[in-house]
Amino acid sequence: WQGLGYNRRALNLQRAARMIVDLWGGRVPEDPVLL
């Protein structure tokens, strides 16, 4: 992530990836409510 700044976004993105794997089998949900 270096060079992009606002590094909290990197940690949140990784946490989001873990939720996507755990809850939806690695598929990004289509529903904005779930997103």
All heavy atoms as atom14 arrays in JSON, in Angstrom:
{
  "sequence": "WQGLGYNRRALNLQRAARMIVDLWGGRVPEDPVLL",
  "atom14_mask": [
    [1, 1, 1, 1, 1, 1, 1, 1, 1, 1, 1, 1, 1, 1],
    [1, 1, 1, 1, 1, 1, 1, 1, 1, 0, 0, 0, 0, 0],
    [1, 1, 1, 1, 0, 0, 0, 0, 0, 0, 0, 0, 0, 0],
    [1, 1, 1, 1, 1, 1, 1, 1, 0, 0, 0, 0, 0, 0],
    [1, 1, 1, 1, 0, 0, 0, 0, 0, 0, 0, 0, 0, 0],
    [1, 1, 1, 1, 1, 1, 1, 1, 1, 1, 1, 1, 0, 0],
    [1, 1, 1, 1, 1, 1, 1, 1, 0, 0, 0, 0, 0, 0],
    [1, 1, 1, 1, 1, 1, 1, 1, 1, 1, 1, 0, 0, 0],
    [1, 1, 1, 1, 1, 1, 1, 1, 1, 1, 1, 0, 0, 0],
    [1, 1, 1, 1, 1, 0, 0, 0, 0, 0, 0, 0, 0, 0],
    [1, 1, 1, 1, 1, 1, 1, 1, 0, 0, 0, 0, 0, 0],
    [1, 1, 1, 1, 1, 1, 1, 1, 0, 0, 0, 0, 0, 0],
    [1, 1, 1, 1, 1, 1, 1, 1, 0, 0, 0, 0, 0, 0],
    [1, 1, 1, 1, 1, 1, 1, 1, 1, 0, 0, 0, 0, 0],
    [1, 1, 1, 1, 1, 1, 1, 1, 1, 1, 1, 0, 0, 0],
    [1, 1, 1, 1, 1, 0, 0, 0, 0, 0, 0, 0, 0, 0],
    [1, 1, 1, 1, 1, 0, 0, 0, 0, 0, 0, 0, 0, 0],
    [1, 1, 1, 1, 1, 1, 1, 1, 1, 1, 1, 0, 0, 0],
    [1, 1, 1, 1, 1, 1, 1, 1, 0, 0, 0, 0, 0, 0],
    [1, 1, 1, 1, 1, 1, 1, 1, 0, 0, 0, 0, 0, 0],
    [1, 1, 1, 1, 1, 1, 1, 0, 0, 0, 0, 0, 0, 0],
    [1, 1, 1, 1, 1, 1, 1, 1, 0, 0, 0, 0, 0, 0],
    [1, 1, 1, 1, 1, 1, 1, 1, 0, 0, 0, 0, 0, 0],
    [1, 1, 1, 1, 1, 1, 1, 1, 1, 1, 1, 1, 1, 1],
    [1, 1, 1, 1, 0, 0, 0, 0, 0, 0, 0, 0, 0, 0],
    [1, 1, 1, 1, 0, 0, 0, 0, 0, 0, 0, 0, 0, 0],
    [1, 1, 1, 1, 1, 1, 1, 1, 1, 1, 1, 0, 0, 0],
    [1, 1, 1, 1, 1, 1, 1, 0, 0, 0, 0, 0, 0, 0],
    [1, 1, 1, 1, 1, 1, 1, 0, 0, 0, 0, 0, 0, 0],
    [1, 1, 1, 1, 1, 1, 1, 1, 1, 0, 0, 0, 0, 0],
    [1, 1, 1, 1, 1, 1, 1, 1, 0, 0, 0, 0, 0, 0],
    [1, 1, 1, 1, 1, 1, 1, 0, 0, 0, 0, 0, 0, 0],
    [1, 1, 1, 1, 1, 1, 1, 0, 0, 0, 0, 0, 0, 0],
    [1, 1, 1, 1, 1, 1, 1, 1, 0, 0, 0, 0, 0, 0],
    [1, 1, 1, 1, 1, 1, 1, 1, 0, 0, 0, 0, 0, 0]
  ],
  "atom14_positions": [
    [[0.81, -1.22, 0.0], [0.0, 0.0, 0.0], [0.84, 1.26, 0.0], [0.32, 2.35, -0.22], [-0.92, 0.0, 1.22], [-2.08, 0.93, 1.13], [-2.13, 2.23, 1.57], [-3.36, 0.67, 0.55], [-3.37, 2.78, 1.32], [-4.15, 1.82, 0.69], [-3.92, -0.45, -0.06], [-5.46, 1.91, 0.24], [-5.22, -0.38, -0.52], [-5.98, 0.78, -0.37]],
    [[2.13, 1.16, 0.25], [2.98, 2.33, 0.37], [2.86, 3.24, -0.85], [2.88, 2.78, -1.99], [4.44, 1.91, 0.54], [4.75, 1.35, 1.92], [4.55, 2.36, 3.03], [5.27, 3.34, 3.13], [3.57, 2.13, 3.87], [0.0, 0.0, 0.0], [0.0, 0.0, 0.0], [0.0, 0.0, 0.0], [0.0, 0.0, 0.0], [0.0, 0.0, 0.0]],
    [[2.73, 4.54, -0.59], [2.58, 5.51, -1.65], [1.16, 5.98, -1.86], [0.93, 6.98, -2.55], [0.0, 0.0, 0.0], [0.0, 0.0, 0.0], [0.0, 0.0, 0.0], [0.0, 0.0, 0.0], [0.0, 0.0, 0.0], [0.0, 0.0, 0.0], [0.0, 0.0, 0.0], [0.0, 0.0, 0.0], [0.0, 0.0, 0.0], [0.0, 0.0, 0.0]],
    [[0.19, 5.28, -1.26], [-1.22, 5.65, -1.43], [-1.73, 6.51, -0.27], [-2.71, 7.23, -0.42], [-2.1, 4.41, -1.56], [-2.0, 3.66, -2.89], [-2.71, 2.32, -2.8], [-2.58, 4.49, -4.02], [0.0, 0.0, 0.0], [0.0, 0.0, 0.0], [0.0, 0.0, 0.0], [0.0, 0.0, 0.0], [0.0, 0.0, 0.0], [0.0, 0.0, 0.0]],
    [[-1.09, 6.4, 0.9], [-1.54, 7.17, 2.05], [-2.81, 6.6, 2.65], [-3.39, 5.63, 2.16], [0.0, 0.0, 0.0], [0.0, 0.0, 0.0], [0.0, 0.0, 0.0], [0.0, 0.0, 0.0], [0.0, 0.0, 0.0], [0.0, 0.0, 0.0], [0.0, 0.0, 0.0], [0.0, 0.0, 0.0], [0.0, 0.0, 0.0], [0.0, 0.0, 0.0]],
    [[-3.24, 7.23, 3.77], [-4.45, 6.78, 4.48], [-4.41, 5.25, 4.63], [-5.28, 4.53, 4.13], [-5.7, 7.22, 3.75], [-5.89, 8.72, 3.69], [-5.51, 9.44, 2.56], [-6.41, 9.42, 4.78], [-5.66, 10.83, 2.51], [-6.57, 10.8, 4.73], [-6.19, 11.49, 3.59], [-6.34, 12.85, 3.55], [0.0, 0.0, 0.0], [0.0, 0.0, 0.0]],
    [[-3.38, 4.77, 5.34], [-3.1, 3.35, 5.4], [-4.2, 2.54, 6.08], [-4.25, 1.31, 5.92], [-1.77, 3.11, 6.11], [-0.59, 3.62, 5.31], [-0.15, 2.99, 4.37], [-0.09, 4.8, 5.68], [0.0, 0.0, 0.0], [0.0, 0.0, 0.0], [0.0, 0.0, 0.0], [0.0, 0.0, 0.0], [0.0, 0.0, 0.0], [0.0, 0.0, 0.0]],
    [[-5.07, 3.21, 6.82], [-6.19, 2.49, 7.43], [-7.02, 1.77, 6.37], [-7.6, 0.72, 6.62], [-7.07, 3.47, 8.22], [-8.21, 2.78, 8.98], [-9.06, 3.77, 9.74], [-8.35, 4.31, 10.9], [-7.87, 5.54, 10.98], [-8.0, 6.37, 9.95], [-7.25, 5.96, 12.05], [0.0, 0.0, 0.0], [0.0, 0.0, 0.0], [0.0, 0.0, 0.0]],
    [[-7.06, 2.34, 5.16], [-7.81, 1.71, 4.08], [-7.25, 0.31, 3.76], [-8.0, -0.59, 3.4], [-7.77, 2.58, 2.82], [-8.51, 3.89, 2.95], [-8.39, 4.72, 1.68], [-7.0, 5.08, 1.39], [-6.58, 5.59, 0.24], [-7.43, 5.77, -0.76], [-5.31, 5.9, 0.06], [0.0, 0.0, 0.0], [0.0, 0.0, 0.0], [0.0, 0.0, 0.0]],
    [[-5.93, 0.16, 3.86], [-5.31, -1.14, 3.56], [-5.77, -2.19, 4.56], [-6.11, -3.32, 4.18], [-3.8, -1.0, 3.58], [0.0, 0.0, 0.0], [0.0, 0.0, 0.0], [0.0, 0.0, 0.0], [0.0, 0.0, 0.0], [0.0, 0.0, 0.0], [0.0, 0.0, 0.0], [0.0, 0.0, 0.0], [0.0, 0.0, 0.0], [0.0, 0.0, 0.0]],
    [[-5.77, -1.82, 5.85], [-6.21, -2.78, 6.87], [-7.69, -3.1, 6.7], [-8.1, -4.26, 6.83], [-5.94, -2.22, 8.26], [-4.48, -1.94, 8.63], [-4.38, -1.54, 10.1], [-3.59, -3.14, 8.36], [0.0, 0.0, 0.0], [0.0, 0.0, 0.0], [0.0, 0.0, 0.0], [0.0, 0.0, 0.0], [0.0, 0.0, 0.0], [0.0, 0.0, 0.0]],
    [[-8.5, -2.09, 6.41], [-9.93, -2.34, 6.2], [-10.15, -3.23, 4.99], [-11.04, -4.1, 5.0], [-10.67, -1.02, 6.02], [-10.94, -0.32, 7.33], [-10.98, -0.95, 8.39], [-11.11, 0.99, 7.29], [0.0, 0.0, 0.0], [0.0, 0.0, 0.0], [0.0, 0.0, 0.0], [0.0, 0.0, 0.0], [0.0, 0.0, 0.0], [0.0, 0.0, 0.0]],
    [[-9.37, -3.02, 3.93], [-9.53, -3.84, 2.73], [-9.19, -5.29, 3.03], [-9.88, -6.21, 2.56], [-8.66, -3.3, 1.6], [-8.8, -3.98, 0.24], [-10.25, -3.92, -0.27], [-7.86, -3.34, -0.77], [0.0, 0.0, 0.0], [0.0, 0.0, 0.0], [0.0, 0.0, 0.0], [0.0, 0.0, 0.0], [0.0, 0.0, 0.0], [0.0, 0.0, 0.0]],
    [[-8.15, -5.52, 3.8], [-7.81, -6.9, 4.15], [-8.9, -7.52, 5.04], [-9.27, -8.69, 4.85], [-6.47, -6.98, 4.86], [-6.06, -8.43, 5.16], [-4.7, -8.54, 5.8], [-4.38, -7.79, 6.72], [-3.89, -9.49, 5.32], [0.0, 0.0, 0.0], [0.0, 0.0, 0.0], [0.0, 0.0, 0.0], [0.0, 0.0, 0.0], [0.0, 0.0, 0.0]],
    [[-9.42, -6.75, 5.98], [-10.51, -7.26, 6.81], [-11.73, -7.57, 5.95], [-12.43, -8.56, 6.18], [-10.86, -6.23, 7.89], [-9.77, -6.06, 8.94], [-10.02, -4.84, 9.82], [-8.92, -4.63, 10.76], [-8.51, -3.43, 11.18], [-9.13, -2.32, 10.74], [-7.5, -3.32, 12.03], [0.0, 0.0, 0.0], [0.0, 0.0, 0.0], [0.0, 0.0, 0.0]],
    [[-11.99, -6.72, 4.96], [-13.1, -6.98, 4.04], [-12.87, -8.27, 3.27], [-13.8, -9.08, 3.09], [-13.27, -5.8, 3.09], [0.0, 0.0, 0.0], [0.0, 0.0, 0.0], [0.0, 0.0, 0.0], [0.0, 0.0, 0.0], [0.0, 0.0, 0.0], [0.0, 0.0, 0.0], [0.0, 0.0, 0.0], [0.0, 0.0, 0.0], [0.0, 0.0, 0.0]],
    [[-11.64, -8.49, 2.81], [-11.33, -9.72, 2.08], [-11.57, -10.95, 2.95], [-12.08, -11.97, 2.48], [-9.88, -9.68, 1.59], [0.0, 0.0, 0.0], [0.0, 0.0, 0.0], [0.0, 0.0, 0.0], [0.0, 0.0, 0.0], [0.0, 0.0, 0.0], [0.0, 0.0, 0.0], [0.0, 0.0, 0.0], [0.0, 0.0, 0.0], [0.0, 0.0, 0.0]],
    [[-11.2, -10.86, 4.21], [-11.41, -12.0, 5.12], [-12.91, -12.25, 5.33], [-13.34, -13.41, 5.41], [-10.69, -11.73, 6.45], [-9.18, -11.82, 6.32], [-8.43, -11.35, 7.55], [-6.99, -11.58, 7.4], [-6.06, -11.1, 8.21], [-6.41, -10.35, 9.26], [-4.78, -11.35, 7.99], [0.0, 0.0, 0.0], [0.0, 0.0, 0.0], [0.0, 0.0, 0.0]],
    [[-13.7, -11.19, 5.43], [-15.14, -11.37, 5.55], [-15.72, -12.0, 4.27], [-16.58, -12.89, 4.33], [-15.83, -10.03, 5.81], [-15.7, -9.52, 7.22], [-16.64, -7.97, 7.47], [-18.33, -8.53, 7.19], [0.0, 0.0, 0.0], [0.0, 0.0, 0.0], [0.0, 0.0, 0.0], [0.0, 0.0, 0.0], [0.0, 0.0, 0.0], [0.0, 0.0, 0.0]],
    [[-15.23, -11.55, 3.12], [-15.72, -12.09, 1.85], [-15.41, -13.58, 1.75], [-16.24, -14.38, 1.3], [-15.08, -11.31, 0.67], [-15.67, -9.9, 0.62], [-15.31, -12.03, -0.66], [-14.91, -8.95, -0.3], [0.0, 0.0, 0.0], [0.0, 0.0, 0.0], [0.0, 0.0, 0.0], [0.0, 0.0, 0.0], [0.0, 0.0, 0.0], [0.0, 0.0, 0.0]],
    [[-14.23, -13.97, 2.21], [-13.85, -15.38, 2.18], [-14.69, -16.17, 3.19], [-15.22, -17.24, 2.87], [-12.35, -15.54, 2.49], [-12.0, -17.01, 2.7], [-11.52, -14.96, 1.35], [0.0, 0.0, 0.0], [0.0, 0.0, 0.0], [0.0, 0.0, 0.0], [0.0, 0.0, 0.0], [0.0, 0.0, 0.0], [0.0, 0.0, 0.0], [0.0, 0.0, 0.0]],
    [[-14.83, -15.65, 4.39], [-15.52, -16.39, 5.46], [-17.03, -16.46, 5.25], [-17.65, -17.5, 5.51], [-15.23, -15.72, 6.81], [-13.78, -15.88, 7.24], [-13.09, -16.75, 6.68], [-13.33, -15.12, 8.13], [0.0, 0.0, 0.0], [0.0, 0.0, 0.0], [0.0, 0.0, 0.0], [0.0, 0.0, 0.0], [0.0, 0.0, 0.0], [0.0, 0.0, 0.0]],
    [[-17.63, -15.37, 4.78], [-19.09, -15.3, 4.69], [-19.64, -15.68, 3.31], [-20.75, -16.19, 3.22], [-19.58, -13.89, 5.06], [-19.27, -13.41, 6.48], [-19.79, -12.0, 6.68], [-19.87, -14.36, 7.52], [0.0, 0.0, 0.0], [0.0, 0.0, 0.0], [0.0, 0.0, 0.0], [0.0, 0.0, 0.0], [0.0, 0.0, 0.0], [0.0, 0.0, 0.0]],
    [[-18.88, -15.39, 2.26], [-19.42, -15.56, 0.91], [-18.52, -16.38, 0.0], [-18.6, -16.28, -1.23], [-19.7, -14.19, 0.29], [-20.69, -13.38, 1.08], [-21.99, -13.68, 1.33], [-20.43, -12.16, 1.78], [-22.57, -12.73, 2.11], [-21.64, -11.77, 2.41], [-19.32, -11.33, 1.92], [-21.75, -10.62, 3.18], [-19.42, -10.18, 2.68], [-20.63, -9.84, 3.3]],
    [[-17.68, -17.21, 0.61], [-16.87, -18.13, -0.18], [-15.93, -17.48, -1.15], [-15.56, -18.07, -2.17], [0.0, 0.0, 0.0], [0.0, 0.0, 0.0], [0.0, 0.0, 0.0], [0.0, 0.0, 0.0], [0.0, 0.0, 0.0], [0.0, 0.0, 0.0], [0.0, 0.0, 0.0], [0.0, 0.0, 0.0], [0.0, 0.0, 0.0], [0.0, 0.0, 0.0]],
    [[-15.49, -16.27, -0.86], [-14.54, -15.58, -1.73], [-15.16, -14.79, -2.85], [-14.45, -14.22, -3.68], [0.0, 0.0, 0.0], [0.0, 0.0, 0.0], [0.0, 0.0, 0.0], [0.0, 0.0, 0.0], [0.0, 0.0, 0.0], [0.0, 0.0, 0.0], [0.0, 0.0, 0.0], [0.0, 0.0, 0.0], [0.0, 0.0, 0.0], [0.0, 0.0, 0.0]],
    [[-16.49, -14.7, -2.89], [-17.18, -13.94, -3.94], [-17.68, -12.62, -3.36], [-18.39, -12.59, -2.35], [-18.36, -14.74, -4.5], [-17.96, -16.05, -5.18], [-19.18, -16.84, -5.6], [-19.95, -16.11, -6.62], [-19.73, -16.2, -7.92], [-18.74, -16.95, -8.38], [-20.47, -15.55, -8.77], [0.0, 0.0, 0.0], [0.0, 0.0, 0.0], [0.0, 0.0, 0.0]],
    [[-17.31, -11.53, -3.99], [-17.76, -10.22, -3.55], [-19.27, -10.14, -3.7], [-19.81, -10.44, -4.77], [-17.09, -9.1, -4.38], [-17.63, -7.73, -3.99], [-15.58, -9.15, -4.22], [0.0, 0.0, 0.0], [0.0, 0.0, 0.0], [0.0, 0.0, 0.0], [0.0, 0.0, 0.0], [0.0, 0.0, 0.0], [0.0, 0.0, 0.0], [0.0, 0.0, 0.0]],
    [[-20.0, -9.76, -2.64], [-21.46, -9.71, -2.75], [-21.93, -8.62, -3.69], [-21.3, -7.57, -3.83], [-21.92, -9.44, -1.31], [-20.76, -8.77, -0.65], [-19.53, -9.38, -1.29], [0.0, 0.0, 0.0], [0.0, 0.0, 0.0], [0.0, 0.0, 0.0], [0.0, 0.0, 0.0], [0.0, 0.0, 0.0], [0.0, 0.0, 0.0], [0.0, 0.0, 0.0]],
    [[-23.07, -8.87, -4.33], [-23.63, -7.91, -5.28], [-24.53, -6.89, -4.61], [-24.65, -5.75, -5.08], [-24.43, -8.69, -6.33], [-25.08, -7.83, -7.39], [-25.77, -8.67, -8.46], [-25.52, -9.88, -8.52], [-26.56, -8.09, -9.23], [0.0, 0.0, 0.0], [0.0, 0.0, 0.0], [0.0, 0.0, 0.0], [0.0, 0.0, 0.0], [0.0, 0.0, 0.0]],
    [[-25.15, -7.26, -3.51], [-26.12, -6.41, -2.83], [-25.41, -5.27, -2.09], [-24.55, -5.53, -1.23], [-26.92, -7.26, -1.84], [-28.09, -6.51, -1.21], [-28.11, -5.26, -1.27], [-28.99, -7.17, -0.66], [0.0, 0.0, 0.0], [0.0, 0.0, 0.0], [0.0, 0.0, 0.0], [0.0, 0.0, 0.0], [0.0, 0.0, 0.0], [0.0, 0.0, 0.0]],
    [[-25.75, -4.01, -2.37], [-25.11, -2.89, -1.66], [-25.3, -2.94, -0.15], [-24.45, -2.45, 0.58], [-25.78, -1.66, -2.26], [-26.28, -2.1, -3.59], [-26.67, -3.55, -3.42], [0.0, 0.0, 0.0], [0.0, 0.0, 0.0], [0.0, 0.0, 0.0], [0.0, 0.0, 0.0], [0.0, 0.0, 0.0], [0.0, 0.0, 0.0], [0.0, 0.0, 0.0]],
    [[-26.41, -3.52, 0.31], [-26.62, -3.63, 1.76], [-25.56, -4.54, 2.38], [-25.01, -4.25, 3.44], [-28.03, -4.17, 2.05], [-28.21, -4.41, 3.55], [-29.09, -3.19, 1.55], [0.0, 0.0, 0.0], [0.0, 0.0, 0.0], [0.0, 0.0, 0.0], [0.0, 0.0, 0.0], [0.0, 0.0, 0.0], [0.0, 0.0, 0.0], [0.0, 0.0, 0.0]],
    [[-25.25, -5.64, 1.69], [-24.2, -6.54, 2.18], [-22.83, -5.89, 2.03], [-21.97, -6.03, 2.91], [-24.23, -7.86, 1.4], [-25.49, -8.72, 1.58], [-25.39, -9.99, 0.74], [-25.69, -9.07, 3.05], [0.0, 0.0, 0.0], [0.0, 0.0, 0.0], [0.0, 0.0, 0.0], [0.0, 0.0, 0.0], [0.0, 0.0, 0.0], [0.0, 0.0, 0.0]],
    [[-22.62, -5.17, 0.96], [-21.33, -4.51, 0.76], [-21.03, -3.51, 1.87], [-19.89, -3.35, 2.29], [-21.32, -3.8, -0.6], [-21.18, -4.71, -1.83], [-21.53, -3.94, -3.1], [-19.77, -5.29, -1.91], [0.0, 0.0, 0.0], [0.0, 0.0, 0.0], [0.0, 0.0, 0.0], [0.0, 0.0, 0.0], [0.0, 0.0, 0.0], [0.0, 0.0, 0.0]]
  ]
}
